[in-house]
């Protein structure tokens, strides 16, 4: 079971909302909306995706990494490295 399983529906709802935002952006470009208005919506969609990413990361650390550390062994070290790499990717984006 994944760390986000308990919040799966909430994540799906948020992602569908973001999907709607992206479709709205496409419409704005098709309708040649004002550049700043489009950029404002891009920023909002980006923040929404970052919020999903942070939630997933928190769930991963709270569940998957914690379980691996409690179990010990090489899997624990691997999960910590995996989480660190995910954090690095998020920081770069």
C-alpha atoms as a PDB file:
ATOM      1  CA  UNK A   1       0.000   0.000   0.000  1.00  0.00           C
ATOM      2  CA  UNK A   2       1.304   3.469  -0.933  1.00  0.00           C
ATOM      3  CA  UNK A   3       1.488   6.356   1.520  1.00  0.00           C
ATOM      4  CA  UNK A   4      -1.076   8.391  -0.425  1.00  0.00           C
ATOM      5  CA  UNK A   5      -3.675   5.590  -0.554  1.00  0.00           C
ATOM      6  CA  UNK A   6      -5.732   7.064   2.264  1.00  0.00           C
ATOM      7  CA  UNK A   7      -5.926  10.394   0.426  1.00  0.00           C
ATOM      8  CA  UNK A   8      -6.258   8.975  -3.083  1.00  0.00           C
ATOM      9  CA  UNK A   9      -9.649  10.567  -3.778  1.00  0.00           C
ATOM     10  CA  UNK A  10      -8.473  13.966  -2.569  1.00  0.00           C
ATOM     11  CA  UNK A  11      -5.411  13.754  -4.839  1.00  0.00           C
ATOM     12  CA  UNK A  12      -7.551  12.715  -7.795  1.00  0.00           C
ATOM     13  CA  UNK A  13      -9.924  15.619  -7.152  1.00  0.00           C
ATOM     14  CA  UNK A  14      -7.033  18.076  -7.003  1.00  0.00           C
ATOM     15  CA  UNK A  15      -5.459  16.668 -10.158  1.00  0.00           C
ATOM     16  CA  UNK A  16      -8.763  16.886 -12.037  1.00  0.00           C
ATOM     17  CA  UNK A  17      -9.081  20.504 -10.942  1.00  0.00           C
ATOM     18  CA  UNK A  18      -5.556  21.169 -12.249  1.00  0.00           C
ATOM     19  CA  UNK A  19      -6.454  19.400 -15.481  1.00  0.00           C
ATOM     20  CA  UNK A  20      -9.351  21.844 -15.816  1.00  0.00           C
ATOM     21  CA  UNK A  21      -6.979  24.745 -15.215  1.00  0.00           C
ATOM     22  CA  UNK A  22      -4.722  23.480 -18.015  1.00  0.00           C
ATOM     23  CA  UNK A  23      -7.683  23.186 -20.376  1.00  0.00           C
ATOM     24  CA  UNK A  24      -8.588  26.754 -19.425  1.00  0.00           C
ATOM     25  CA  UNK A  25      -5.060  27.828 -20.326  1.00  0.00           C
ATOM     26  CA  UNK A  26      -5.398  26.188 -23.718  1.00  0.00           C
ATOM     27  CA  UNK A  27      -8.653  28.091 -24.295  1.00  0.00           C
ATOM     28  CA  UNK A  28      -7.010  31.328 -23.229  1.00  0.00           C
ATOM     29  CA  UNK A  29      -4.244  30.850 -25.797  1.00  0.00           C
ATOM     30  CA  UNK A  30      -6.737  29.846 -28.492  1.00  0.00           C
ATOM     31  CA  UNK A  31      -8.784  32.972 -27.728  1.00  0.00           C
ATOM     32  CA  UNK A  32      -5.602  35.099 -27.676  1.00  0.00           C
ATOM     33  CA  UNK A  33      -6.123  36.311 -24.119  1.00  0.00           C
ATOM     34  CA  UNK A  34      -3.836  38.914 -22.615  1.00  0.00           C
ATOM     35  CA  UNK A  35      -0.333  37.534 -21.912  1.00  0.00           C
ATOM     36  CA  UNK A  36      -0.289  38.543 -18.248  1.00  0.00           C
ATOM     37  CA  UNK A  37      -3.646  36.851 -17.642  1.00  0.00           C
ATOM     38  CA  UNK A  38      -2.280  33.615 -19.130  1.00  0.00           C
ATOM     39  CA  UNK A  39       0.909  33.865 -17.079  1.00  0.00           C
ATOM     40  CA  UNK A  40      -1.157  34.398 -13.930  1.00  0.00           C
ATOM     41  CA  UNK A  41      -3.066  31.185 -14.636  1.00  0.00           C
ATOM     42  CA  UNK A  42       0.160  29.297 -15.440  1.00  0.00           C
ATOM     43  CA  UNK A  43       1.492  30.392 -12.057  1.00  0.00           C
ATOM     44  CA  UNK A  44      -1.685  29.188 -10.314  1.00  0.00           C
ATOM     45  CA  UNK A  45      -1.514  25.789 -12.044  1.00  0.00           C
ATOM     46  CA  UNK A  46       2.171  25.479 -11.167  1.00  0.00           C
ATOM     47  CA  UNK A  47       1.470  26.223  -7.490  1.00  0.00           C
ATOM     48  CA  UNK A  48      -1.355  23.683  -7.492  1.00  0.00           C
ATOM     49  CA  UNK A  49       0.938  20.978  -8.914  1.00  0.00           C
ATOM     50  CA  UNK A  50       3.621  21.874  -6.385  1.00  0.00           C
ATOM     51  CA  UNK A  51       1.071  21.472  -3.579  1.00  0.00           C
ATOM     52  CA  UNK A  52       0.190  17.999  -4.873  1.00  0.00           C
ATOM     53  CA  UNK A  53       3.880  17.115  -5.094  1.00  0.00           C
ATOM     54  CA  UNK A  54       4.562  18.281  -1.548  1.00  0.00           C
ATOM     55  CA  UNK A  55       1.585  16.324  -0.245  1.00  0.00           C
ATOM     56  CA  UNK A  56       2.757  13.172  -1.992  1.00  0.00           C
ATOM     57  CA  UNK A  57       6.276  13.685  -0.676  1.00  0.00           C
ATOM     58  CA  UNK A  58       4.970  14.122   2.859  1.00  0.00           C
ATOM     59  CA  UNK A  59       2.873  10.975   2.532  1.00  0.00           C
ATOM     60  CA  UNK A  60       5.861   9.067   1.112  1.00  0.00           C
ATOM     61  CA  UNK A  61       8.143  10.099   3.961  1.00  0.00           C
ATOM     62  CA  UNK A  62       5.468   9.521   6.593  1.00  0.00           C
ATOM     63  CA  UNK A  63       4.572   6.070   5.323  1.00  0.00           C
ATOM     64  CA  UNK A  64       7.030   4.412   2.957  1.00  0.00           C
ATOM     65  CA  UNK A  65      10.269   5.858   4.338  1.00  0.00           C
ATOM     66  CA  UNK A  66       9.166   5.501   7.966  1.00  0.00           C
ATOM     67  CA  UNK A  67       8.140   1.870   7.441  1.00  0.00           C
ATOM     68  CA  UNK A  68      11.453   1.076   5.733  1.00  0.00           C
ATOM     69  CA  UNK A  69      13.462   2.712   8.524  1.00  0.00           C
ATOM     70  CA  UNK A  70      11.496   0.818  11.175  1.00  0.00           C
ATOM     71  CA  UNK A  71      12.163  -2.440   9.299  1.00  0.00           C
ATOM     72  CA  UNK A  72      15.850  -1.563   8.923  1.00  0.00           C
ATOM     73  CA  UNK A  73      18.243  -3.116   6.463  1.00  0.00           C
ATOM     74  CA  UNK A  74      19.305  -1.938   3.014  1.00  0.00           C
ATOM     75  CA  UNK A  75      15.764  -0.976   2.027  1.00  0.00           C
ATOM     76  CA  UNK A  76      15.799   1.798   4.640  1.00  0.00           C
ATOM     77  CA  UNK A  77      18.867   3.432   3.121  1.00  0.00           C
ATOM     78  CA  UNK A  78      17.402   3.063  -0.367  1.00  0.00           C
ATOM     79  CA  UNK A  79      14.116   4.751   0.652  1.00  0.00           C
ATOM     80  CA  UNK A  80      15.981   7.674   2.239  1.00  0.00           C
ATOM     81  CA  UNK A  81      18.080   8.134  -0.921  1.00  0.00           C
ATOM     82  CA  UNK A  82      14.941   7.910  -3.043  1.00  0.00           C
ATOM     83  CA  UNK A  83      13.210  10.591  -0.938  1.00  0.00           C
ATOM     84  CA  UNK A  84      16.295  12.818  -1.071  1.00  0.00           C
ATOM     85  CA  UNK A  85      16.380  12.535  -4.870  1.00  0.00           C
ATOM     86  CA  UNK A  86      12.678  13.413  -5.058  1.00  0.00           C
ATOM     87  CA  UNK A  87      13.255  16.476  -2.858  1.00  0.00           C
ATOM     88  CA  UNK A  88      16.152  17.541  -5.072  1.00  0.00           C
ATOM     89  CA  UNK A  89      13.941  17.263  -8.177  1.00  0.00           C
ATOM     90  CA  UNK A  90      11.235  19.366  -6.539  1.00  0.00           C
ATOM     91  CA  UNK A  91      13.706  22.029  -5.464  1.00  0.00           C
ATOM     92  CA  UNK A  92      15.075  22.302  -9.020  1.00  0.00           C
ATOM     93  CA  UNK A  93      11.627  22.680 -10.568  1.00  0.00           C
END
